[in-house]
C-alpha atoms as a PDB file:
ATOM      1  CA  MET A   1      28.981 120.349 121.560  1.00  0.00           C
ATOM      2  CA  LYS A   2      29.733 120.302 117.783  1.00  0.00           C
ATOM      3  CA  GLU A   3      27.095 118.850 115.633  1.00  0.00           C
ATOM      4  CA  GLY A   4      27.736 115.183 114.899  1.00  0.00           C
ATOM      5  CA  ILE A   5      29.807 114.638 117.959  1.00  0.00           C
ATOM      6  CA  LEU A   6      28.126 112.092 120.187  1.00  0.00           C
ATOM      7  CA  LYS A   7      30.923 112.046 123.191  1.00  0.00           C
ATOM      8  CA  LYS A   8      34.206 113.970 123.484  1.00  0.00           C
ATOM      9  CA  GLY A   9      37.122 112.950 125.539  1.00  0.00           C
ATOM     10  CA  GLU A  10      40.735 114.133 126.268  1.00  0.00           C
ATOM     11  CA  GLY A  11      42.191 112.545 123.149  1.00  0.00           C
ATOM     12  CA  VAL A  12      39.221 111.243 120.850  1.00  0.00           C
ATOM     13  CA  ALA A  13      35.907 111.960 120.101  1.00  0.00           C
ATOM     14  CA  LEU A  14      33.022 109.727 118.863  1.00  0.00           C
ATOM     15  CA  ARG A  15      31.236 111.278 115.978  1.00  0.00           C
ATOM     16  CA  ASP A  16      28.586 110.560 113.279  1.00  0.00           C
ATOM     17  CA  ALA A  17      30.353 109.316 110.050  1.00  0.00           C
ATOM     18  CA  ARG A  18      30.529 111.555 106.869  1.00  0.00           C
ATOM     19  CA  SER A  19      30.635 110.735 103.246  1.00  0.00           C
ATOM     20  CA  SER A  20      34.285 111.894 103.173  1.00  0.00           C
ATOM     21  CA  ASP A  21      35.265 109.053 105.687  1.00  0.00           C
ATOM     22  CA  ILE A  22      34.846 106.461 102.947  1.00  0.00           C
ATOM     23  CA  ARG A  23      38.428 107.204 101.882  1.00  0.00           C
ATOM     24  CA  ASP A  24      39.800 106.161 105.126  1.00  0.00           C
ATOM     25  CA  TYR A  25      37.512 103.295 105.534  1.00  0.00           C
ATOM     26  CA  LYS A  26      38.519 101.864 102.145  1.00  0.00           C
ATOM     27  CA  ARG A  27      42.224 102.206 103.256  1.00  0.00           C
ATOM     28  CA  TRP A  28      41.514 100.469 106.432  1.00  0.00           C
ATOM     29  CA  MET A  29      39.929  97.555 104.772  1.00  0.00           C
ATOM     30  CA  LEU A  30      42.971  97.118 102.626  1.00  0.00           C
ATOM     31  CA  GLY A  31      45.274  96.614 105.464  1.00  0.00           C
ATOM     32  CA  GLY A  32      46.640  97.445 109.088  1.00  0.00           C
ATOM     33  CA  GLU A  33      47.406  95.819 112.138  1.00  0.00           C
ATOM     34  CA  TRP A  34      43.933  95.892 113.398  1.00  0.00           C
ATOM     35  CA  LYS A  35      42.778  93.395 110.882  1.00  0.00           C
ATOM     36  CA  ASP A  36      44.948  90.753 112.301  1.00  0.00           C
ATOM     37  CA  PHE A  37      42.748  90.845 115.605  1.00  0.00           C
ATOM     38  CA  ASP A  38      39.129  91.615 114.507  1.00  0.00           C
ATOM     39  CA  ALA A  39      37.865  88.277 112.994  1.00  0.00           C
ATOM     40  CA  PRO A  40      40.447  88.755 110.012  1.00  0.00           C
ATOM     41  CA  TRP A  41      38.499  86.235 107.749  1.00  0.00           C
ATOM     42  CA  GLU A  42      35.492  88.571 107.627  1.00  0.00           C
ATOM     43  CA  TYR A  43      37.520  91.080 105.830  1.00  0.00           C
ATOM     44  CA  LYS A  44      39.568  88.787 103.505  1.00  0.00           C
ATOM     45  CA  ASP A  45      39.148  89.639  99.735  1.00  0.00           C
ATOM     46  CA  MET A  46      36.438  92.333 100.017  1.00  0.00           C
ATOM     47  CA  SER A  47      36.074  94.131  96.746  1.00  0.00           C
ATOM     48  CA  GLU A  48      35.979  97.902  96.666  1.00  0.00           C
ATOM     49  CA  ASP A  49      32.230  97.883  96.013  1.00  0.00           C
ATOM     50  CA  GLU A  50      31.609  95.597  98.893  1.00  0.00           C
ATOM     51  CA  VAL A  51      33.588  97.993 101.001  1.00  0.00           C
ATOM     52  CA  VAL A  52      31.595 100.978  99.817  1.00  0.00           C
ATOM     53  CA  LYS A  53      28.170  99.121 100.421  1.00  0.00           C
ATOM     54  CA  ARG A  54      29.099  98.067 103.818  1.00  0.00           C
ATOM     55  CA  PHE A  55      30.271 101.551 104.876  1.00  0.00           C
ATOM     56  CA  GLY A  56      27.029 103.023 103.601  1.00  0.00           C
ATOM     57  CA  SER A  57      24.837 100.428 105.212  1.00  0.00           C
ATOM     58  CA  LEU A  58      26.814 100.700 108.651  1.00  0.00           C
ATOM     59  CA  PHE A  59      27.610 104.323 109.066  1.00  0.00           C
ATOM     60  CA  LEU A  60      25.502 106.704 106.616  1.00  0.00           C
ATOM     61  CA  LYS A  61      22.245 105.248 106.898  1.00  0.00           C
ATOM     62  CA  ASP A  62      22.413 104.928 110.929  1.00  0.00           C
ATOM     63  CA  LYS A  63      20.144 107.424 112.350  1.00  0.00           C
ATOM     64  CA  THR A  64      18.878 105.243 115.249  1.00  0.00           C
ATOM     65  CA  GLU A  65      19.168 106.678 118.818  1.00  0.00           C
ATOM     66  CA  PRO A  66      21.315 105.451 120.116  1.00  0.00           C
ATOM     67  CA  ARG A  67      23.530 105.284 117.370  1.00  0.00           C
ATOM     68  CA  LYS A  68      24.747 101.700 116.073  1.00  0.00           C
ATOM     69  CA  CYS A  69      28.111 103.071 114.920  1.00  0.00           C
ATOM     70  CA  ALA A  70      30.422 106.007 115.383  1.00  0.00           C
ATOM     71  CA  ILE A  71      33.642 107.079 113.976  1.00  0.00           C
ATOM     72  CA  ILE A  72      36.489 107.587 116.381  1.00  0.00           C
ATOM     73  CA  SER A  73      38.447 110.765 115.467  1.00  0.00           C
ATOM     74  CA  THR A  74      41.353 112.531 117.125  1.00  0.00           C
ATOM     75  CA  LEU A  75      40.544 115.843 118.639  1.00  0.00           C
ATOM     76  CA  GLU A  76      41.806 117.360 115.338  1.00  0.00           C
ATOM     77  CA  ASP A  77      39.021 115.308 113.518  1.00  0.00           C
ATOM     78  CA  LYS A  78      41.222 112.835 111.812  1.00  0.00           C
ATOM     79  CA  PRO A  79      39.250 109.521 111.714  1.00  0.00           C
ATOM     80  CA  ILE A  80      41.236 106.633 113.295  1.00  0.00           C
ATOM     81  CA  GLY A  81      38.498 103.772 113.566  1.00  0.00           C
ATOM     82  CA  TRP A  82      35.195 103.115 114.764  1.00  0.00           C
ATOM     83  CA  VAL A  83      32.782 101.741 117.633  1.00  0.00           C
ATOM     84  CA  ASN A  84      29.540  99.846 117.012  1.00  0.00           C
ATOM     85  CA  ARG A  85      26.904  98.070 118.890  1.00  0.00           C
ATOM     86  CA  TYR A  86      24.903  94.958 117.628  1.00  0.00           C
ATOM     87  CA  SER A  87      22.538  92.317 118.838  1.00  0.00           C
ATOM     88  CA  GLU A  88      23.013  88.553 118.404  1.00  0.00           C
ATOM     89  CA  ASN A  89      19.709  87.227 119.542  1.00  0.00           C
ATOM     90  CA  GLU A  90      16.394  87.988 121.100  1.00  0.00           C
ATOM     91  CA  HIS A  91      17.829  89.556 124.260  1.00  0.00           C
ATOM     92  CA  HIS A  92      16.885  93.097 123.891  1.00  0.00           C
ATOM     93  CA  ALA A  93      18.474  94.106 127.196  1.00  0.00           C
ATOM     94  CA  LEU A  94      21.955  93.543 125.726  1.00  0.00           C
ATOM     95  CA  PHE A  95      24.236  95.526 123.267  1.00  0.00           C
ATOM     96  CA  LEU A  96      27.186  93.738 122.116  1.00  0.00           C
ATOM     97  CA  LEU A  97      30.041  96.068 121.606  1.00  0.00           C
ATOM     98  CA  GLY A  98      32.905  96.482 118.814  1.00  0.00           C
ATOM     99  CA  ILE A  99      35.689  98.681 118.600  1.00  0.00           C
ATOM    100  CA  ASP A 100      38.553  99.143 115.990  1.00  0.00           C
ATOM    101  CA  ILE A 101      41.522 101.568 115.946  1.00  0.00           C
ATOM    102  CA  CYS A 102      42.563 101.091 112.322  1.00  0.00           C
ATOM    103  CA  GLU A 103      45.495 103.608 112.309  1.00  0.00           C
ATOM    104  CA  ASP A 104      48.557 101.617 113.367  1.00  0.00           C
ATOM    105  CA  GLU A 105      50.377 104.708 114.772  1.00  0.00           C
ATOM    106  CA  HIS A 106      47.411 105.220 117.251  1.00  0.00           C
ATOM    107  CA  LEU A 107      47.611 101.742 118.687  1.00  0.00           C
ATOM    108  CA  GLY A 108      48.753 101.127 122.276  1.00  0.00           C
ATOM    109  CA  LYS A 109      48.211 104.715 123.359  1.00  0.00           C
ATOM    110  CA  GLY A 110      45.109 104.233 125.332  1.00  0.00           C
ATOM    111  CA  LEU A 111      42.680 105.493 122.683  1.00  0.00           C
ATOM    112  CA  GLY A 112      40.818 102.187 122.518  1.00  0.00           C
ATOM    113  CA  THR A 113      40.313 102.333 126.199  1.00  0.00           C
ATOM    114  CA  GLU A 114      39.020 106.104 126.135  1.00  0.00           C
ATOM    115  CA  SER A 115      36.888 105.217 122.980  1.00  0.00           C
ATOM    116  CA  LEU A 116      35.236 102.394 124.529  1.00  0.00           C
ATOM    117  CA  THR A 117      34.657 104.072 127.809  1.00  0.00           C
ATOM    118  CA  LEU A 118      32.909 106.988 125.779  1.00  0.00           C
ATOM    119  CA  TRP A 119      30.971 104.512 123.986  1.00  0.00           C
ATOM    120  CA  ILE A 120      29.814 102.659 126.932  1.00  0.00           C
ATOM    121  CA  ASN A 121      28.724 106.066 128.469  1.00  0.00           C
ATOM    122  CA  TYR A 122      26.974 107.280 125.487  1.00  0.00           C
ATOM    123  CA  LEU A 123      24.858 104.029 125.172  1.00  0.00           C
ATOM    124  CA  PHE A 124      24.043 103.765 128.902  1.00  0.00           C
ATOM    125  CA  GLU A 125      22.918 107.546 128.771  1.00  0.00           C
ATOM    126  CA  ASN A 126      20.903 107.177 125.603  1.00  0.00           C
ATOM    127  CA  SER A 127      19.008 104.040 126.297  1.00  0.00           C
ATOM    128  CA  ASP A 128      17.543 101.782 129.130  1.00  0.00           C
ATOM    129  CA  ILE A 129      19.786  98.984 128.075  1.00  0.00           C
ATOM    130  CA  HIS A 130      20.671  96.821 131.237  1.00  0.00           C
ATOM    131  CA  LYS A 131      23.970  95.147 130.011  1.00  0.00           C
ATOM    132  CA  VAL A 132      26.762  95.493 127.541  1.00  0.00           C
ATOM    133  CA  GLY A 133      28.862  92.758 126.228  1.00  0.00           C
ATOM    134  CA  LEU A 134      32.093  91.867 124.336  1.00  0.00           C
ATOM    135  CA  GLN A 135      33.089  88.806 122.364  1.00  0.00           C
ATOM    136  CA  THR A 136      36.802  88.516 121.309  1.00  0.00           C
ATOM    137  CA  TYR A 137      38.936  85.628 120.123  1.00  0.00           C
ATOM    138  CA  SER A 138      41.748  84.036 122.136  1.00  0.00           C
ATOM    139  CA  PHE A 139      44.285  85.690 120.046  1.00  0.00           C
ATOM    140  CA  ASN A 140      43.176  89.198 120.586  1.00  0.00           C
ATOM    141  CA  ILE A 141      45.173  90.036 123.768  1.00  0.00           C
ATOM    142  CA  ARG A 142      44.479  93.612 123.482  1.00  0.00           C
ATOM    143  CA  MET A 143      40.876  93.244 123.610  1.00  0.00           C
ATOM    144  CA  LYS A 144      41.081  90.889 126.418  1.00  0.00           C
ATOM    145  CA  LYS A 145      43.120  93.243 128.352  1.00  0.00           C
ATOM    146  CA  LEU A 146      40.757  96.152 127.482  1.00  0.00           C
ATOM    147  CA  ALA A 147      37.830  94.306 128.751  1.00  0.00           C
ATOM    148  CA  GLU A 148      39.540  93.371 132.083  1.00  0.00           C
ATOM    149  CA  LYS A 149      40.613  97.226 132.383  1.00  0.00           C
ATOM    150  CA  LEU A 150      37.017  98.463 132.078  1.00  0.00           C
ATOM    151  CA  CYS A 151      35.817  95.730 134.694  1.00  0.00           C
ATOM    152  CA  PHE A 152      33.881  93.533 132.354  1.00  0.00           C
ATOM    153  CA  THR A 153      33.365  89.934 133.811  1.00  0.00           C
ATOM    154  CA  GLU A 154      34.439  87.042 131.660  1.00  0.00           C
ATOM    155  CA  GLU A 155      31.195  85.066 131.340  1.00  0.00           C
ATOM    156  CA  GLY A 156      31.944  82.281 129.048  1.00  0.00           C
ATOM    157  CA  VAL A 157      34.063  80.528 126.371  1.00  0.00           C
ATOM    158  CA  ASP A 158      33.195  78.909 123.085  1.00  0.00           C
ATOM    159  CA  ARG A 159      36.081  76.563 122.841  1.00  0.00           C
ATOM    160  CA  GLU A 160      37.706  76.126 119.396  1.00  0.00           C
ATOM    161  CA  ILE A 161      35.028  77.868 117.383  1.00  0.00           C
ATOM    162  CA  VAL A 162      36.865  79.100 114.583  1.00  0.00           C
ATOM    163  CA  HIS A 163      40.050  77.733 112.602  1.00  0.00           C
ATOM    164  CA  TRP A 164      42.179  80.422 111.416  1.00  0.00           C
ATOM    165  CA  ASP A 165      45.824  80.690 110.327  1.00  0.00           C
ATOM    166  CA  GLY A 166      46.383  77.104 110.955  1.00  0.00           C
ATOM    167  CA  ARG A 167      45.140  76.844 114.477  1.00  0.00           C
ATOM    168  CA  TRP A 168      41.982  76.562 116.580  1.00  0.00           C
ATOM    169  CA  HIS A 169      40.882  79.531 118.450  1.00  0.00           C
ATOM    170  CA  ASP A 170      38.288  80.303 121.315  1.00  0.00           C
ATOM    171  CA  ARG A 171      35.568  83.086 121.653  1.00  0.00           C
ATOM    172  CA  ILE A 172      35.593  84.701 124.976  1.00  0.00           C
ATOM    173  CA  LYS A 173      32.464  86.475 126.163  1.00  0.00           C
ATOM    174  CA  TYR A 174      32.505  89.495 128.472  1.00  0.00           C
ATOM    175  CA  GLY A 175      29.726  91.303 130.080  1.00  0.00           C
ATOM    176  CA  LEU A 176      29.161  94.554 132.162  1.00  0.00           C
ATOM    177  CA  LEU A 177      25.895  95.466 133.917  1.00  0.00           C
ATOM    178  CA  ARG A 178      24.645  99.007 134.108  1.00  0.00           C
ATOM    179  CA  ARG A 179      24.882  99.086 137.803  1.00  0.00           C
ATOM    180  CA  GLU A 180      28.424  97.911 137.608  1.00  0.00           C
ATOM    181  CA  TRP A 181      29.444 100.803 135.320  1.00  0.00           C
ATOM    182  CA  GLU A 182      27.606 103.222 137.394  1.00  0.00           C
END
């Protein structure tokens, strides 16, 4: 497999970030439909310096195994978004996952499903992690459908946890055990 490629599918590949990806990342941080669904309050009014710093700390310094982040690219190597993993607390047997398809023309084509499937496979193959989870907000219909499509179990709801765009929204938690994935 090509160097820097973590997993390759039929329509996308997961790969390590490159310095040249900063151009796309800056553009993504400035707009796009994806920002309306992935905690949009987190990206509001980010300066260019903050964007560059965030990119470097998230992507370029990540040499862990398994990776904490990966760029999603087309098979022609055009970056279209990213996947990530993180921990929220002391539970070391759990990775929480994130995914963003940031190029509007690639939304709704199944590339998120393929990317997240590749990412889950990569994480289970390269760690002894017991469980992966997702958290999304009640307004993110696409992520809720993706979790259900990949057989995640809804495990809980933090009701009205965030006030955004004039309304209160729930955070929905999903989980998937290694044995369920296998």
